[in-house]
N, C-alpha and C. Protein backbone atom coordinates (compact mmCIF):
# COMPACT_ATOMS: atom_id res chain seq x y z
N MET A 1 21.75 8.72 -2.01
CA MET A 1 20.38 8.86 -1.52
C MET A 1 20.41 8.88 -0.01
N LYS A 2 19.73 9.83 0.59
CA LYS A 2 19.67 9.93 2.01
C LYS A 2 18.70 8.88 2.55
N VAL A 3 19.14 8.21 3.60
CA VAL A 3 18.31 7.20 4.31
C VAL A 3 17.50 7.95 5.35
N PRO A 4 16.13 7.79 5.28
CA PRO A 4 15.32 8.52 6.29
C PRO A 4 15.64 8.07 7.70
N ASP A 5 15.79 9.06 8.59
CA ASP A 5 16.01 8.71 9.99
C ASP A 5 14.66 8.53 10.69
N GLN A 6 14.69 8.23 11.97
CA GLN A 6 13.48 7.96 12.70
C GLN A 6 12.57 9.19 12.72
N GLN A 7 13.11 10.38 12.86
CA GLN A 7 12.32 11.57 12.85
C GLN A 7 11.58 11.74 11.52
N ASP A 8 12.29 11.57 10.42
CA ASP A 8 11.69 11.70 9.10
C ASP A 8 10.56 10.66 8.97
N GLN A 9 10.79 9.45 9.41
CA GLN A 9 9.78 8.40 9.30
C GLN A 9 8.54 8.74 10.14
N GLN A 10 8.73 9.31 11.34
CA GLN A 10 7.58 9.69 12.14
C GLN A 10 6.83 10.83 11.49
N ILE A 11 7.49 11.78 10.92
CA ILE A 11 6.80 12.87 10.22
C ILE A 11 6.05 12.33 9.05
N GLU A 12 6.65 11.44 8.28
CA GLU A 12 6.00 10.86 7.12
C GLU A 12 4.76 10.08 7.53
N SER A 13 4.83 9.30 8.57
CA SER A 13 3.71 8.53 9.08
C SER A 13 2.58 9.46 9.52
N TRP A 14 2.96 10.52 10.24
CA TRP A 14 1.95 11.46 10.72
C TRP A 14 1.27 12.16 9.53
N ALA A 15 2.06 12.62 8.57
CA ALA A 15 1.54 13.33 7.40
C ALA A 15 0.62 12.44 6.58
N THR A 16 0.92 11.16 6.46
CA THR A 16 0.10 10.20 5.73
C THR A 16 -1.28 10.05 6.40
N ALA A 17 -1.24 9.93 7.76
CA ALA A 17 -2.48 9.78 8.50
C ALA A 17 -3.30 11.08 8.45
N ALA A 18 -2.65 12.22 8.52
CA ALA A 18 -3.33 13.50 8.46
C ALA A 18 -3.93 13.68 7.08
N TRP A 19 -3.20 13.31 6.03
CA TRP A 19 -3.66 13.49 4.67
C TRP A 19 -4.95 12.72 4.41
N ALA A 20 -5.10 11.60 5.06
CA ALA A 20 -6.32 10.79 4.95
C ALA A 20 -7.54 11.56 5.45
N LEU A 21 -7.31 12.55 6.31
CA LEU A 21 -8.39 13.33 6.91
C LEU A 21 -8.66 14.64 6.13
N THR A 22 -7.97 14.84 5.05
CA THR A 22 -8.10 16.04 4.29
C THR A 22 -9.48 16.18 3.66
N THR A 23 -10.03 17.39 3.73
CA THR A 23 -11.29 17.68 3.05
C THR A 23 -11.01 18.74 1.97
N VAL A 24 -11.81 18.71 0.93
CA VAL A 24 -11.60 19.63 -0.17
C VAL A 24 -12.96 20.29 -0.49
N ASP A 25 -12.92 21.61 -0.66
CA ASP A 25 -14.13 22.35 -0.96
C ASP A 25 -13.86 23.22 -2.21
N ARG A 26 -14.94 23.45 -2.97
CA ARG A 26 -14.85 24.34 -4.14
C ARG A 26 -14.80 25.78 -3.64
N ILE A 27 -13.99 26.59 -4.28
CA ILE A 27 -13.94 28.02 -4.03
C ILE A 27 -14.28 28.77 -5.30
N ASP A 28 -14.83 29.97 -5.17
CA ASP A 28 -15.27 30.75 -6.32
C ASP A 28 -14.24 31.74 -6.83
N ASP A 29 -13.39 32.19 -5.99
CA ASP A 29 -12.48 33.27 -6.42
C ASP A 29 -11.07 32.95 -5.92
N PRO A 30 -10.12 32.53 -6.71
CA PRO A 30 -10.34 32.15 -8.10
C PRO A 30 -10.99 30.78 -8.20
N ASP A 31 -11.48 30.44 -9.35
CA ASP A 31 -12.13 29.09 -9.50
C ASP A 31 -11.13 28.02 -9.15
N GLY A 32 -11.54 27.07 -8.39
CA GLY A 32 -10.66 25.98 -8.01
C GLY A 32 -11.14 25.35 -6.72
N PHE A 33 -10.18 24.77 -5.98
CA PHE A 33 -10.52 24.04 -4.79
C PHE A 33 -9.51 24.37 -3.68
N VAL A 34 -9.97 24.24 -2.45
CA VAL A 34 -9.10 24.44 -1.30
C VAL A 34 -9.15 23.16 -0.47
N ALA A 35 -8.02 22.69 -0.01
CA ALA A 35 -7.90 21.50 0.84
C ALA A 35 -7.52 21.94 2.23
N GLU A 36 -8.19 21.32 3.23
CA GLU A 36 -7.89 21.63 4.64
C GLU A 36 -7.76 20.29 5.40
N CYS A 37 -7.11 20.38 6.56
CA CYS A 37 -6.96 19.18 7.39
C CYS A 37 -7.10 19.62 8.85
N ALA A 38 -8.09 19.08 9.55
CA ALA A 38 -8.34 19.46 10.93
C ALA A 38 -7.13 19.12 11.84
N ALA A 39 -6.30 18.16 11.44
CA ALA A 39 -5.13 17.78 12.21
C ALA A 39 -4.02 18.82 12.14
N ALA A 40 -4.09 19.70 11.13
CA ALA A 40 -3.05 20.73 10.95
C ALA A 40 -3.73 22.09 10.82
N PRO A 41 -4.10 22.68 11.96
CA PRO A 41 -4.82 23.98 11.91
C PRO A 41 -4.03 25.03 11.15
N GLY A 42 -4.69 25.69 10.25
CA GLY A 42 -4.08 26.77 9.47
C GLY A 42 -3.44 26.32 8.18
N ALA A 43 -3.29 25.02 7.98
CA ALA A 43 -2.66 24.50 6.77
C ALA A 43 -3.71 24.44 5.65
N LEU A 44 -3.41 25.10 4.54
CA LEU A 44 -4.32 25.11 3.36
C LEU A 44 -3.50 24.79 2.13
N ALA A 45 -4.22 24.20 1.16
CA ALA A 45 -3.62 23.94 -0.14
C ALA A 45 -4.67 24.22 -1.18
N PHE A 46 -4.22 24.77 -2.32
CA PHE A 46 -5.13 25.14 -3.39
C PHE A 46 -4.77 24.37 -4.68
N GLY A 47 -5.79 24.18 -5.52
CA GLY A 47 -5.58 23.58 -6.80
C GLY A 47 -6.74 23.83 -7.73
N LEU A 48 -6.50 23.71 -8.99
CA LEU A 48 -7.58 23.92 -9.97
C LEU A 48 -8.50 22.71 -10.03
N THR A 49 -8.04 21.57 -9.52
CA THR A 49 -8.88 20.36 -9.45
C THR A 49 -8.84 19.83 -8.04
N ILE A 50 -9.75 18.94 -7.70
CA ILE A 50 -9.76 18.32 -6.38
C ILE A 50 -8.44 17.54 -6.17
N GLU A 51 -8.04 16.84 -7.19
CA GLU A 51 -6.82 16.01 -7.10
C GLU A 51 -5.57 16.90 -6.88
N LYS A 52 -5.48 18.03 -7.58
CA LYS A 52 -4.35 18.92 -7.41
C LYS A 52 -4.33 19.52 -6.00
N ALA A 53 -5.48 19.90 -5.48
CA ALA A 53 -5.55 20.44 -4.13
C ALA A 53 -5.13 19.41 -3.11
N ARG A 54 -5.62 18.16 -3.28
CA ARG A 54 -5.23 17.07 -2.33
C ARG A 54 -3.75 16.78 -2.39
N ASN A 55 -3.22 16.71 -3.60
CA ASN A 55 -1.77 16.43 -3.77
C ASN A 55 -0.93 17.54 -3.18
N GLU A 56 -1.32 18.79 -3.37
CA GLU A 56 -0.59 19.89 -2.78
C GLU A 56 -0.65 19.84 -1.24
N MET A 57 -1.80 19.39 -0.70
CA MET A 57 -1.96 19.27 0.77
C MET A 57 -0.95 18.28 1.33
N ARG A 58 -0.60 17.28 0.59
CA ARG A 58 0.40 16.31 1.06
C ARG A 58 1.71 17.01 1.37
N THR A 59 2.13 17.87 0.46
CA THR A 59 3.35 18.62 0.63
C THR A 59 3.24 19.59 1.77
N VAL A 60 2.09 20.24 1.86
CA VAL A 60 1.86 21.23 2.92
C VAL A 60 1.91 20.55 4.29
N LEU A 61 1.32 19.37 4.42
CA LEU A 61 1.35 18.65 5.72
C LEU A 61 2.76 18.28 6.13
N LEU A 62 3.55 17.80 5.18
CA LEU A 62 4.93 17.47 5.48
C LEU A 62 5.67 18.71 6.01
N ASP A 63 5.57 19.82 5.27
CA ASP A 63 6.22 21.04 5.69
C ASP A 63 5.71 21.58 7.00
N TRP A 64 4.38 21.48 7.21
CA TRP A 64 3.74 21.92 8.46
C TRP A 64 4.30 21.13 9.62
N ALA A 65 4.41 19.80 9.49
CA ALA A 65 4.93 18.97 10.56
C ALA A 65 6.38 19.25 10.84
N LYS A 66 7.21 19.39 9.77
CA LYS A 66 8.62 19.69 9.99
C LYS A 66 8.82 21.03 10.71
N LEU A 67 8.09 22.01 10.33
CA LEU A 67 8.19 23.32 10.96
C LEU A 67 7.77 23.25 12.42
N ARG A 68 6.71 22.52 12.71
CA ARG A 68 6.21 22.37 14.09
C ARG A 68 7.29 21.71 14.94
N ILE A 69 7.94 20.69 14.41
CA ILE A 69 8.99 19.96 15.17
C ILE A 69 10.20 20.92 15.40
N GLU A 70 10.58 21.64 14.34
CA GLU A 70 11.68 22.60 14.46
C GLU A 70 11.43 23.64 15.54
N ARG A 71 10.19 23.98 15.74
CA ARG A 71 9.85 24.98 16.77
C ARG A 71 9.62 24.40 18.13
N GLY A 72 9.84 23.09 18.28
CA GLY A 72 9.78 22.45 19.59
C GLY A 72 8.42 21.93 20.00
N TYR A 73 7.48 21.86 19.06
CA TYR A 73 6.14 21.35 19.39
C TYR A 73 5.98 19.89 18.96
N ASP A 74 5.10 19.20 19.69
CA ASP A 74 4.76 17.83 19.26
C ASP A 74 3.79 17.90 18.12
N LEU A 75 3.64 16.80 17.40
CA LEU A 75 2.61 16.72 16.35
C LEU A 75 1.29 16.26 17.00
N PRO A 76 0.20 16.80 16.57
CA PRO A 76 -1.09 16.47 17.15
C PRO A 76 -1.45 15.01 16.99
N HIS A 77 -2.14 14.47 17.95
CA HIS A 77 -2.60 13.10 17.92
C HIS A 77 -3.69 12.97 16.85
N ILE A 78 -3.58 11.89 16.05
CA ILE A 78 -4.55 11.75 14.94
C ILE A 78 -5.48 10.56 15.21
N SER A 79 -4.93 9.42 15.60
CA SER A 79 -5.74 8.23 15.80
C SER A 79 -5.13 7.31 16.83
N GLU A 80 -5.85 6.27 17.11
CA GLU A 80 -5.34 5.29 18.08
C GLU A 80 -4.09 4.57 17.52
N THR A 81 -3.99 4.46 16.22
CA THR A 81 -2.90 3.70 15.66
C THR A 81 -1.65 4.52 15.44
N ILE A 82 -1.79 5.86 15.35
CA ILE A 82 -0.64 6.71 15.13
C ILE A 82 -0.64 7.74 16.25
N PRO A 83 0.13 7.51 17.31
CA PRO A 83 0.13 8.48 18.44
C PRO A 83 0.85 9.78 18.09
N ALA A 84 0.59 10.79 18.86
CA ALA A 84 1.29 12.06 18.67
C ALA A 84 2.76 11.79 18.76
N ALA A 85 3.51 12.37 17.86
CA ALA A 85 4.95 12.16 17.82
C ALA A 85 5.64 13.11 18.75
N THR A 86 6.49 12.57 19.60
CA THR A 86 7.35 13.40 20.44
C THR A 86 8.75 13.20 19.88
N ILE A 87 9.20 14.16 19.17
CA ILE A 87 10.50 14.06 18.49
C ILE A 87 11.48 15.01 19.09
C-alpha cells in the first residue's frame, strides 16, 4: 500500500473542502443531476441521483486538483482554515 506523501495529503484536504461547497441541480436532458463546485471552475459531474452526482464530483475534484498541480498552478483558496496549496 502506498503511503500518501505531503502533496497527496494537501490535494486530499483541498478536495474535501471543495467537495463541501458542491452544488447539485436537476437537468432535463438526459434526466439526472449535475454537480458543480465554484472552487473548481469547469469541473462538472453527472449522476442519475443527487448522491451519485455528488459522489462523482469527489473524484472529479481530486483529478482536477492533480491536473492543476501537474500543470504548475496552485490550488484555489477555499477558506480560512485550508489555505491555497503551493505544491
